[in-house]
């Protein structure tokens, strides 16, 4: 008898296992994509996913989805009205552009605006003259009265008694002049401040009038709001997990090899036992024949 047994398992096919691994991964990823792309309905609107295309990836079909956002009827009406308002504001702004160009291209006109006084000395002198006019009249009248009184008393002009009698009037005249100088400076400063305020007010009025088209244009642009960037739905990440097909296939192949090897070992042991029994039987037969010949 010769050694027997079953044939060995077929050789491990790595390419077929890898292909099966890829198909399993893609199928798992596609299933995840369908599970994750869940339609949503809210009071403000809805979000829906739809399979719109598919492509072949290594012999496997991988779908592509389109996410669509839709407003509710109430929100859609608000969006339409807001968009129309913004569009109308921008159209109006276009018509205002002509006035803006004219305003920007025309220098600011200062004609008719109050001018600042150029001669502060003349202004102070004018105020000083006005302030001292009455005091000088009063002092002149007092001086004439004093001179008449001194003459009636027989006190000659230029005498010591005369000069002493006139000192209070002279001091009063100096004090009045000094006070008038101070007041004249204050009045000149006030007049300058008032003139500056009037001029600034005139310039502000002219500036506001000139800038009005610019303000109107800016306001309309603000109402327009500009282009709104779309609010995209974050893309769902449908990752393809690494489904392990290789390890089970290798383990199956190794188990088959171990089973086949165990079978081979068992067959070899059985055959060895049979060969041993046959040898013993032949030896016993030879001894019997030898004994017979002797007898």
C-alpha atoms as a PDB file:
ATOM      1  CA  UNK A   1       0.000   0.000   0.000  1.00  0.00           C
ATOM      2  CA  UNK A   2       1.197   3.517  -0.717  1.00  0.00           C
ATOM      3  CA  UNK A   3       0.615   6.668   1.378  1.00  0.00           C
ATOM      4  CA  UNK A   4      -2.802   8.190   0.667  1.00  0.00           C
ATOM      5  CA  UNK A   5      -4.851  11.210   1.759  1.00  0.00           C
ATOM      6  CA  UNK A   6      -6.856  14.152   0.481  1.00  0.00           C
ATOM      7  CA  UNK A   7      -5.297  16.760  -1.757  1.00  0.00           C
ATOM      8  CA  UNK A   8      -3.898  19.944  -0.161  1.00  0.00           C
ATOM      9  CA  UNK A   9      -6.126  23.080   0.028  1.00  0.00           C
ATOM     10  CA  UNK A  10      -5.958  25.396  -2.968  1.00  0.00           C
ATOM     11  CA  UNK A  11      -3.189  28.003  -2.777  1.00  0.00           C
ATOM     12  CA  UNK A  12      -4.124  31.270  -0.971  1.00  0.00           C
ATOM     13  CA  UNK A  13      -5.299  33.853  -3.552  1.00  0.00           C
ATOM     14  CA  UNK A  14      -4.212  37.283  -2.217  1.00  0.00           C
ATOM     15  CA  UNK A  15      -5.591  39.201  -5.202  1.00  0.00           C
ATOM     16  CA  UNK A  16      -9.062  37.717  -4.813  1.00  0.00           C
ATOM     17  CA  UNK A  17      -8.990  38.449  -1.081  1.00  0.00           C
ATOM     18  CA  UNK A  18      -7.926  42.065  -1.697  1.00  0.00           C
ATOM     19  CA  UNK A  19     -10.733  42.511  -4.215  1.00  0.00           C
ATOM     20  CA  UNK A  20     -13.221  41.121  -1.743  1.00  0.00           C
ATOM     21  CA  UNK A  21     -11.757  43.440   0.904  1.00  0.00           C
ATOM     22  CA  UNK A  22     -12.264  46.500  -1.380  1.00  0.00           C
ATOM     23  CA  UNK A  23     -15.826  45.527  -2.247  1.00  0.00           C
ATOM     24  CA  UNK A  24     -16.692  45.080   1.416  1.00  0.00           C
ATOM     25  CA  UNK A  25     -15.181  48.474   2.272  1.00  0.00           C
ATOM     26  CA  UNK A  26     -17.069  50.274  -0.506  1.00  0.00           C
ATOM     27  CA  UNK A  27     -20.351  48.591   0.415  1.00  0.00           C
ATOM     28  CA  UNK A  28     -19.902  49.642   4.038  1.00  0.00           C
ATOM     29  CA  UNK A  29     -19.091  53.239   3.016  1.00  0.00           C
ATOM     30  CA  UNK A  30     -22.117  53.447   0.711  1.00  0.00           C
ATOM     31  CA  UNK A  31     -24.364  52.130   3.484  1.00  0.00           C
ATOM     32  CA  UNK A  32     -22.961  54.750   5.868  1.00  0.00           C
ATOM     33  CA  UNK A  33     -23.635  57.500   3.316  1.00  0.00           C
ATOM     34  CA  UNK A  34     -27.284  56.479   3.014  1.00  0.00           C
ATOM     35  CA  UNK A  35     -27.598  56.313   6.797  1.00  0.00           C
ATOM     36  CA  UNK A  36     -25.976  59.717   7.398  1.00  0.00           C
ATOM     37  CA  UNK A  37     -27.747  61.692   4.641  1.00  0.00           C
ATOM     38  CA  UNK A  38     -30.949  62.049   6.636  1.00  0.00           C
ATOM     39  CA  UNK A  39     -33.636  64.449   5.393  1.00  0.00           C
ATOM     40  CA  UNK A  40     -34.599  67.169   7.878  1.00  0.00           C
ATOM     41  CA  UNK A  41     -37.849  69.154   8.188  1.00  0.00           C
ATOM     42  CA  UNK A  42     -38.060  72.231  10.452  1.00  0.00           C
ATOM     43  CA  UNK A  43     -40.574  75.110  10.825  1.00  0.00           C
ATOM     44  CA  UNK A  44     -38.161  77.332   8.871  1.00  0.00           C
ATOM     45  CA  UNK A  45     -37.644  74.926   5.987  1.00  0.00           C
ATOM     46  CA  UNK A  46     -36.292  71.551   5.000  1.00  0.00           C
ATOM     47  CA  UNK A  47     -33.058  69.863   3.978  1.00  0.00           C
ATOM     48  CA  UNK A  48     -33.248  66.923   1.585  1.00  0.00           C
ATOM     49  CA  UNK A  49     -30.635  64.596   0.117  1.00  0.00           C
ATOM     50  CA  UNK A  50     -30.974  62.932  -3.270  1.00  0.00           C
ATOM     51  CA  UNK A  51     -28.764  60.505  -5.123  1.00  0.00           C
ATOM     52  CA  UNK A  52     -27.985  62.339  -8.346  1.00  0.00           C
ATOM     53  CA  UNK A  53     -25.142  60.367  -9.872  1.00  0.00           C
ATOM     54  CA  UNK A  54     -22.784  57.453  -9.373  1.00  0.00           C
ATOM     55  CA  UNK A  55     -19.331  56.525 -10.552  1.00  0.00           C
ATOM     56  CA  UNK A  56     -17.374  53.316 -10.840  1.00  0.00           C
ATOM     57  CA  UNK A  57     -14.565  52.919  -8.320  1.00  0.00           C
ATOM     58  CA  UNK A  58     -12.627  49.709  -8.825  1.00  0.00           C
ATOM     59  CA  UNK A  59     -15.652  47.907 -10.198  1.00  0.00           C
ATOM     60  CA  UNK A  60     -17.898  49.167  -7.389  1.00  0.00           C
ATOM     61  CA  UNK A  61     -20.649  51.772  -7.791  1.00  0.00           C
ATOM     62  CA  UNK A  62     -20.172  54.784  -5.485  1.00  0.00           C
ATOM     63  CA  UNK A  63     -23.162  57.187  -5.393  1.00  0.00           C
ATOM     64  CA  UNK A  64     -23.058  61.009  -5.204  1.00  0.00           C
ATOM     65  CA  UNK A  65     -25.696  62.966  -3.307  1.00  0.00           C
ATOM     66  CA  UNK A  66     -27.077  66.504  -3.704  1.00  0.00           C
ATOM     67  CA  UNK A  67     -28.230  68.421  -0.602  1.00  0.00           C
ATOM     68  CA  UNK A  68     -31.119  70.844  -1.228  1.00  0.00           C
ATOM     69  CA  UNK A  69     -32.223  73.520   1.261  1.00  0.00           C
ATOM     70  CA  UNK A  70     -35.761  74.874   0.915  1.00  0.00           C
ATOM     71  CA  UNK A  71     -37.434  77.666   2.911  1.00  0.00           C
ATOM     72  CA  UNK A  72     -40.891  77.292   4.323  1.00  0.00           C
ATOM     73  CA  UNK A  73     -43.511  79.386   2.447  1.00  0.00           C
ATOM     74  CA  UNK A  74     -43.444  82.052   5.176  1.00  0.00           C
ATOM     75  CA  UNK A  75     -39.660  82.273   5.234  1.00  0.00           C
ATOM     76  CA  UNK A  76     -39.514  82.241   1.442  1.00  0.00           C
ATOM     77  CA  UNK A  77     -41.872  85.246   1.336  1.00  0.00           C
ATOM     78  CA  UNK A  78     -39.653  87.156   3.778  1.00  0.00           C
ATOM     79  CA  UNK A  79     -36.572  86.275   1.746  1.00  0.00           C
ATOM     80  CA  UNK A  80     -38.208  87.429  -1.499  1.00  0.00           C
ATOM     81  CA  UNK A  81     -39.349  90.744   0.004  1.00  0.00           C
ATOM     82  CA  UNK A  82     -35.934  91.416   1.534  1.00  0.00           C
ATOM     83  CA  UNK A  83     -34.179  90.596  -1.712  1.00  0.00           C
ATOM     84  CA  UNK A  84     -36.538  92.834  -3.697  1.00  0.00           C
ATOM     85  CA  UNK A  85     -35.991  95.688  -1.223  1.00  0.00           C
ATOM     86  CA  UNK A  86     -32.237  95.344  -1.493  1.00  0.00           C
ATOM     87  CA  UNK A  87     -32.398  95.186  -5.276  1.00  0.00           C
ATOM     88  CA  UNK A  88     -34.594  98.306  -5.392  1.00  0.00           C
ATOM     89  CA  UNK A  89     -32.204 100.164  -3.078  1.00  0.00           C
ATOM     90  CA  UNK A  90     -29.298  99.355  -5.372  1.00  0.00           C
ATOM     91  CA  UNK A  91     -31.283 100.505  -8.415  1.00  0.00           C
ATOM     92  CA  UNK A  92     -32.044 103.802  -6.676  1.00  0.00           C
ATOM     93  CA  UNK A  93     -28.403 104.157  -5.698  1.00  0.00           C
ATOM     94  CA  UNK A  94     -27.526 103.954  -9.377  1.00  0.00           C
ATOM     95  CA  UNK A  95     -29.744 106.971 -10.093  1.00  0.00           C
ATOM     96  CA  UNK A  96     -28.141 108.914  -7.227  1.00  0.00           C
ATOM     97  CA  UNK A  97     -24.677 108.326  -8.669  1.00  0.00           C
ATOM     98  CA  UNK A  98     -25.029 111.351 -10.977  1.00  0.00           C
ATOM     99  CA  UNK A  99     -25.569 113.653  -7.991  1.00  0.00           C
ATOM    100  CA  UNK A 100     -22.666 112.021  -6.200  1.00  0.00           C
ATOM    101  CA  UNK A 101     -20.363 112.688  -9.152  1.00  0.00           C
ATOM    102  CA  UNK A 102     -21.477 116.316  -9.333  1.00  0.00           C
ATOM    103  CA  UNK A 103     -20.988 116.805  -5.617  1.00  0.00           C
ATOM    104  CA  UNK A 104     -17.554 115.219  -5.545  1.00  0.00           C
ATOM    105  CA  UNK A 105     -16.445 117.097  -8.660  1.00  0.00           C
ATOM    106  CA  UNK A 106     -17.529 120.509  -7.329  1.00  0.00           C
ATOM    107  CA  UNK A 107     -15.209 122.245  -4.839  1.00  0.00           C
ATOM    108  CA  UNK A 108     -16.789 123.486  -1.629  1.00  0.00           C
ATOM    109  CA  UNK A 109     -18.047 127.066  -2.090  1.00  0.00           C
ATOM    110  CA  UNK A 110     -17.210 129.441   0.778  1.00  0.00           C
ATOM    111  CA  UNK A 111     -18.905 132.488  -0.738  1.00  0.00           C
ATOM    112  CA  UNK A 112     -21.419 134.071   1.643  1.00  0.00           C
ATOM    113  CA  UNK A 113     -20.001 132.296   4.685  1.00  0.00           C
ATOM    114  CA  UNK A 114     -19.152 134.738   7.545  1.00  0.00           C
ATOM    115  CA  UNK A 115     -15.477 135.679   7.485  1.00  0.00           C
ATOM    116  CA  UNK A 116     -13.196 135.997  10.481  1.00  0.00           C
ATOM    117  CA  UNK A 117     -12.058 139.526  11.472  1.00  0.00           C
ATOM    118  CA  UNK A 118      -8.579 140.123  10.138  1.00  0.00           C
ATOM    119  CA  UNK A 119      -7.599 143.130  12.358  1.00  0.00           C
ATOM    120  CA  UNK A 120      -7.894 142.309  16.047  1.00  0.00           C
ATOM    121  CA  UNK A 121      -6.274 145.631  17.024  1.00  0.00           C
ATOM    122  CA  UNK A 122      -8.973 147.639  15.321  1.00  0.00           C
ATOM    123  CA  UNK A 123     -11.611 145.494  17.004  1.00  0.00           C
ATOM    124  CA  UNK A 124     -10.084 146.108  20.443  1.00  0.00           C
ATOM    125  CA  UNK A 125      -9.697 149.845  19.744  1.00  0.00           C
ATOM    126  CA  UNK A 126     -13.305 150.039  18.685  1.00  0.00           C
ATOM    127  CA  UNK A 127     -14.415 148.307  21.870  1.00  0.00           C
ATOM    128  CA  UNK A 128     -12.066 150.490  23.963  1.00  0.00           C
ATOM    129  CA  UNK A 129     -13.475 153.666  22.446  1.00  0.00           C
ATOM    130  CA  UNK A 130     -17.013 152.551  23.144  1.00  0.00           C
ATOM    131  CA  UNK A 131     -16.206 151.630  26.752  1.00  0.00           C
ATOM    132  CA  UNK A 132     -14.342 154.886  27.568  1.00  0.00           C
ATOM    133  CA  UNK A 133     -16.724 157.271  25.810  1.00  0.00           C
ATOM    134  CA  UNK A 134     -19.126 157.673  28.771  1.00  0.00           C
ATOM    135  CA  UNK A 135     -16.480 157.525  31.479  1.00  0.00           C
ATOM    136  CA  UNK A 136     -14.472 160.238  29.714  1.00  0.00           C
ATOM    137  CA  UNK A 137     -17.574 162.434  29.518  1.00  0.00           C
ATOM    138  CA  UNK A 138     -18.220 162.003  33.245  1.00  0.00           C
ATOM    139  CA  UNK A 139     -14.597 162.633  34.157  1.00  0.00           C
ATOM    140  CA  UNK A 140     -14.392 165.691  31.886  1.00  0.00           C
ATOM    141  CA  UNK A 141     -17.485 167.189  33.564  1.00  0.00           C
ATOM    142  CA  UNK A 142     -16.074 166.463  37.023  1.00  0.00           C
ATOM    143  CA  UNK A 143     -12.751 168.007  36.019  1.00  0.00           C
ATOM    144  CA  UNK A 144     -14.444 171.188  34.784  1.00  0.00           C
ATOM    145  CA  UNK A 145     -16.415 171.452  37.983  1.00  0.00           C
ATOM    146  CA  UNK A 146     -13.281 170.914  40.041  1.00  0.00           C
ATOM    147  CA  UNK A 147     -11.380 173.566  38.129  1.00  0.00           C
ATOM    148  CA  UNK A 148     -14.204 176.085  38.570  1.00  0.00           C
ATOM    149  CA  UNK A 149     -14.356 175.371  42.267  1.00  0.00           C
ATOM    150  CA  UNK A 150     -10.582 175.760  42.664  1.00  0.00           C
ATOM    151  CA  UNK A 151     -10.636 179.047  40.723  1.00  0.00           C
ATOM    152  CA  UNK A 152     -13.431 180.381  42.930  1.00  0.00           C
ATOM    153  CA  UNK A 153     -11.274 179.482  45.912  1.00  0.00           C
ATOM    154  CA  UNK A 154      -8.392 181.483  44.457  1.00  0.00           C
ATOM    155  CA  UNK A 155      -6.195 178.414  43.844  1.00  0.00           C
ATOM    156  CA  UNK A 156      -4.158 178.983  40.706  1.00  0.00           C
ATOM    157  CA  UNK A 157      -3.742 176.242  38.081  1.00  0.00           C
ATOM    158  CA  UNK A 158      -0.379 174.531  38.373  1.00  0.00           C
ATOM    159  CA  UNK A 159       0.013 175.206  42.064  1.00  0.00           C
ATOM    160  CA  UNK A 160       0.610 172.380  44.506  1.00  0.00           C
ATOM    161  CA  UNK A 161      -2.869 172.737  45.986  1.00  0.00           C
ATOM    162  CA  UNK A 162      -4.339 172.654  42.514  1.00  0.00           C
ATOM    163  CA  UNK A 163      -2.377 169.542  41.485  1.00  0.00           C
ATOM    164  CA  UNK A 164      -3.270 167.720  44.704  1.00  0.00           C
ATOM    165  CA  UNK A 165      -6.939 168.466  44.121  1.00  0.00           C
ATOM    166  CA  UNK A 166      -6.788 167.035  40.606  1.00  0.00           C
ATOM    167  CA  UNK A 167      -4.971 163.766  41.548  1.00  0.00           C
ATOM    168  CA  UNK A 168      -8.190 161.773  42.357  1.00  0.00           C
ATOM    169  CA  UNK A 169      -9.651 162.665  38.980  1.00  0.00           C
ATOM    170  CA  UNK A 170      -6.455 161.648  37.193  1.00  0.00           C
ATOM    171  CA  UNK A 171      -6.432 158.326  39.038  1.00  0.00           C
ATOM    172  CA  UNK A 172     -10.058 157.724  38.162  1.00  0.00           C
ATOM    173  CA  UNK A 173      -9.267 158.402  34.525  1.00  0.00           C
ATOM    174  CA  UNK A 174      -6.342 155.905  34.576  1.00  0.00           C
ATOM    175  CA  UNK A 175      -8.423 153.247  36.337  1.00  0.00           C
ATOM    176  CA  UNK A 176     -11.241 153.666  33.829  1.00  0.00           C
ATOM    177  CA  UNK A 177      -8.772 153.380  30.949  1.00  0.00           C
ATOM    178  CA  UNK A 178      -7.191 150.212  32.362  1.00  0.00           C
ATOM    179  CA  UNK A 179     -10.559 148.594  32.967  1.00  0.00           C
ATOM    180  CA  UNK A 180     -11.713 149.555  29.475  1.00  0.00           C
ATOM    181  CA  UNK A 181      -8.564 147.972  28.016  1.00  0.00           C
ATOM    182  CA  UNK A 182      -9.296 144.706  29.815  1.00  0.00           C
ATOM    183  CA  UNK A 183     -12.943 144.723  28.822  1.00  0.00           C
ATOM    184  CA  UNK A 184     -12.063 145.606  25.227  1.00  0.00           C
ATOM    185  CA  UNK A 185      -9.772 142.555  25.035  1.00  0.00           C
ATOM    186  CA  UNK A 186     -12.531 140.338  26.384  1.00  0.00           C
ATOM    187  CA  UNK A 187     -15.042 141.759  23.941  1.00  0.00           C
ATOM    188  CA  UNK A 188     -12.623 141.274  21.052  1.00  0.00           C
ATOM    189  CA  UNK A 189     -12.132 137.635  22.093  1.00  0.00           C
ATOM    190  CA  UNK A 190     -15.872 137.070  22.352  1.00  0.00           C
ATOM    191  CA  UNK A 191     -16.445 138.664  18.974  1.00  0.00           C
ATOM    192  CA  UNK A 192     -13.752 136.416  17.468  1.00  0.00           C
ATOM    193  CA  UNK A 193     -15.319 133.301  19.044  1.00  0.00           C
ATOM    194  CA  UNK A 194     -18.740 134.268  17.784  1.00  0.00           C
ATOM    195  CA  UNK A 195     -17.379 134.942  14.329  1.00  0.00           C
ATOM    196  CA  UNK A 196     -15.598 131.549  14.355  1.00  0.00           C
ATOM    197  CA  UNK A 197     -18.802 129.795  15.471  1.00  0.00           C
ATOM    198  CA  UNK A 198     -20.806 131.484  12.725  1.00  0.00           C
ATOM    199  CA  UNK A 199     -18.190 130.572  10.146  1.00  0.00           C
ATOM    200  CA  UNK A 200     -17.989 126.967  11.328  1.00  0.00           C
ATOM    201  CA  UNK A 201     -21.769 126.703  11.218  1.00  0.00           C
ATOM    202  CA  UNK A 202     -21.803 128.063   7.675  1.00  0.00           C
ATOM    203  CA  UNK A 203     -19.077 125.653   6.586  1.00  0.00           C
ATOM    204  CA  UNK A 204     -20.928 122.728   8.235  1.00  0.00           C
ATOM    205  CA  UNK A 205     -24.126 123.642   6.408  1.00  0.00           C
ATOM    206  CA  UNK A 206     -22.320 123.823   3.073  1.00  0.00           C
ATOM    207  CA  UNK A 207     -20.477 120.568   3.780  1.00  0.00           C
ATOM    208  CA  UNK A 208     -23.667 118.733   4.751  1.00  0.00           C
ATOM    209  CA  UNK A 209     -25.370 119.993   1.624  1.00  0.00           C
ATOM    210  CA  UNK A 210     -22.437 118.844  -0.491  1.00  0.00           C
ATOM    211  CA  UNK A 211     -22.237 115.441   1.236  1.00  0.00           C
ATOM    212  CA  UNK A 212     -25.964 114.723   1.181  1.00  0.00           C
ATOM    213  CA  UNK A 213     -25.798 112.742  -2.101  1.00  0.00           C
ATOM    214  CA  UNK A 214     -22.923 110.709  -0.661  1.00  0.00           C
ATOM    215  CA  UNK A 215     -24.928 109.959   2.478  1.00  0.00           C
ATOM    216  CA  UNK A 216     -27.963 108.980   0.423  1.00  0.00           C
ATOM    217  CA  UNK A 217     -25.810 106.720  -1.724  1.00  0.00           C
ATOM    218  CA  UNK A 218     -24.171 105.116   1.331  1.00  0.00           C
ATOM    219  CA  UNK A 219     -27.561 104.556   2.970  1.00  0.00           C
ATOM    220  CA  UNK A 220     -28.935 102.893  -0.143  1.00  0.00           C
ATOM    221  CA  UNK A 221     -25.906 100.642  -0.375  1.00  0.00           C
ATOM    222  CA  UNK A 222     -26.428  99.683   3.250  1.00  0.00           C
ATOM    223  CA  UNK A 223     -30.030  98.804   2.501  1.00  0.00           C
ATOM    224  CA  UNK A 224     -28.805  96.800  -0.467  1.00  0.00           C
ATOM    225  CA  UNK A 225     -26.738  94.714   1.890  1.00  0.00           C
ATOM    226  CA  UNK A 226     -24.445  93.387  -0.817  1.00  0.00           C
ATOM    227  CA  UNK A 227     -24.303  89.824  -2.094  1.00  0.00           C
ATOM    228  CA  UNK A 228     -25.139  87.218   0.536  1.00  0.00           C
ATOM    229  CA  UNK A 229     -22.828  84.245   0.539  1.00  0.00           C
ATOM    230  CA  UNK A 230     -24.677  80.912   0.331  1.00  0.00           C
ATOM    231  CA  UNK A 231     -25.005  78.965   3.547  1.00  0.00           C
ATOM    232  CA  UNK A 232     -23.825  75.516   2.583  1.00  0.00           C
ATOM    233  CA  UNK A 233     -24.721  72.371   4.467  1.00  0.00           C
ATOM    234  CA  UNK A 234     -21.567  70.727   5.843  1.00  0.00           C
ATOM    235  CA  UNK A 235     -20.729  67.730   3.693  1.00  0.00           C
ATOM    236  CA  UNK A 236     -21.361  64.434   5.420  1.00  0.00           C
ATOM    237  CA  UNK A 237     -18.132  62.497   5.831  1.00  0.00           C
ATOM    238  CA  UNK A 238     -18.901  58.976   4.604  1.00  0.00           C
ATOM    239  CA  UNK A 239     -15.582  57.311   5.328  1.00  0.00           C
ATOM    240  CA  UNK A 240     -15.047  53.798   4.075  1.00  0.00           C
ATOM    241  CA  UNK A 241     -13.969  51.694   7.067  1.00  0.00           C
ATOM    242  CA  UNK A 242     -11.380  48.964   6.792  1.00  0.00           C
ATOM    243  CA  UNK A 243     -13.591  45.889   6.955  1.00  0.00           C
ATOM    244  CA  UNK A 244     -11.203  43.004   7.660  1.00  0.00           C
ATOM    245  CA  UNK A 245     -11.604  40.339   5.000  1.00  0.00           C
ATOM    246  CA  UNK A 246      -7.943  39.349   4.676  1.00  0.00           C
ATOM    247  CA  UNK A 247      -7.491  38.044   8.234  1.00  0.00           C
ATOM    248  CA  UNK A 248     -10.511  35.688   8.188  1.00  0.00           C
ATOM    249  CA  UNK A 249      -9.499  34.410   4.746  1.00  0.00           C
ATOM    250  CA  UNK A 250      -5.927  33.783   5.922  1.00  0.00           C
ATOM    251  CA  UNK A 251      -7.175  32.114   9.100  1.00  0.00           C
ATOM    252  CA  UNK A 252      -9.491  29.886   7.044  1.00  0.00           C
ATOM    253  CA  UNK A 253      -6.637  28.934   4.741  1.00  0.00           C
ATOM    254  CA  UNK A 254      -4.333  28.235   7.688  1.00  0.00           C
ATOM    255  CA  UNK A 255      -7.064  26.097   9.336  1.00  0.00           C
ATOM    256  CA  UNK A 256      -7.490  24.125   6.131  1.00  0.00           C
ATOM    257  CA  UNK A 257      -3.741  23.596   5.904  1.00  0.00           C
ATOM    258  CA  UNK A 258      -3.557  22.497   9.533  1.00  0.00           C
ATOM    259  CA  UNK A 259      -6.465  20.072   9.005  1.00  0.00           C
ATOM    260  CA  UNK A 260      -4.897  18.710   5.861  1.00  0.00           C
ATOM    261  CA  UNK A 261      -1.512  18.358   7.622  1.00  0.00           C
ATOM    262  CA  UNK A 262      -3.150  16.543  10.525  1.00  0.00           C
ATOM    263  CA  UNK A 263      -4.820  14.177   8.059  1.00  0.00           C
ATOM    264  CA  UNK A 264      -1.508  13.558   6.367  1.00  0.00           C
ATOM    265  CA  UNK A 265       0.170  12.805   9.666  1.00  0.00           C
ATOM    266  CA  UNK A 266      -2.636  10.404  10.624  1.00  0.00           C
ATOM    267  CA  UNK A 267      -2.387   8.581   7.305  1.00  0.00           C
ATOM    268  CA  UNK A 268       1.360   8.320   7.596  1.00  0.00           C
ATOM    269  CA  UNK A 269       1.064   6.909  11.133  1.00  0.00           C
ATOM    270  CA  UNK A 270      -1.532   4.373   9.982  1.00  0.00           C
ATOM    271  CA  UNK A 271       0.577   3.255   7.066  1.00  0.00           C
ATOM    272  CA  UNK A 272       3.619   2.937   9.306  1.00  0.00           C
ATOM    273  CA  UNK A 273       1.653   0.714  11.693  1.00  0.00           C
ATOM    274  CA  UNK A 274       0.491  -1.506   8.876  1.00  0.00           C
ATOM    275  CA  UNK A 275       4.013  -1.907   7.564  1.00  0.00           C
ATOM    276  CA  UNK A 276       5.165  -2.874  11.071  1.00  0.00           C
ATOM    277  CA  UNK A 277       2.498  -5.535  11.436  1.00  0.00           C
ATOM    278  CA  UNK A 278       3.359  -6.985   8.044  1.00  0.00           C
ATOM    279  CA  UNK A 279       7.023  -7.314   8.975  1.00  0.00           C
ATOM    280  CA  UNK A 280       6.185  -9.138  12.208  1.00  0.00           C
ATOM    281  CA  UNK A 281       3.951 -11.601  10.372  1.00  0.00           C
ATOM    282  CA  UNK A 282       6.652 -12.435   7.836  1.00  0.00           C
ATOM    283  CA  UNK A 283       9.188 -13.009  10.616  1.00  0.00           C
ATOM    284  CA  UNK A 284       6.877 -15.396  12.437  1.00  0.00           C
ATOM    285  CA  UNK A 285       6.188 -17.365   9.254  1.00  0.00           C
ATOM    286  CA  UNK A 286       9.917 -17.784   8.553  1.00  0.00           C
ATOM    287  CA  UNK A 287      10.569 -19.160  12.040  1.00  0.00           C
ATOM    288  CA  UNK A 288       7.766 -21.694  11.678  1.00  0.00           C
ATOM    289  CA  UNK A 289       9.118 -23.000   8.383  1.00  0.00           C
ATOM    290  CA  UNK A 290      12.582 -23.385   9.904  1.00  0.00           C
ATOM    291  CA  UNK A 291      11.249 -25.416  12.795  1.00  0.00           C
ATOM    292  CA  UNK A 292       9.381 -27.707  10.441  1.00  0.00           C
ATOM    293  CA  UNK A 293      12.516 -28.498   8.441  1.00  0.00           C
ATOM    294  CA  UNK A 294      14.454 -29.452  11.539  1.00  0.00           C
ATOM    295  CA  UNK A 295      11.791 -31.805  12.667  1.00  0.00           C
END
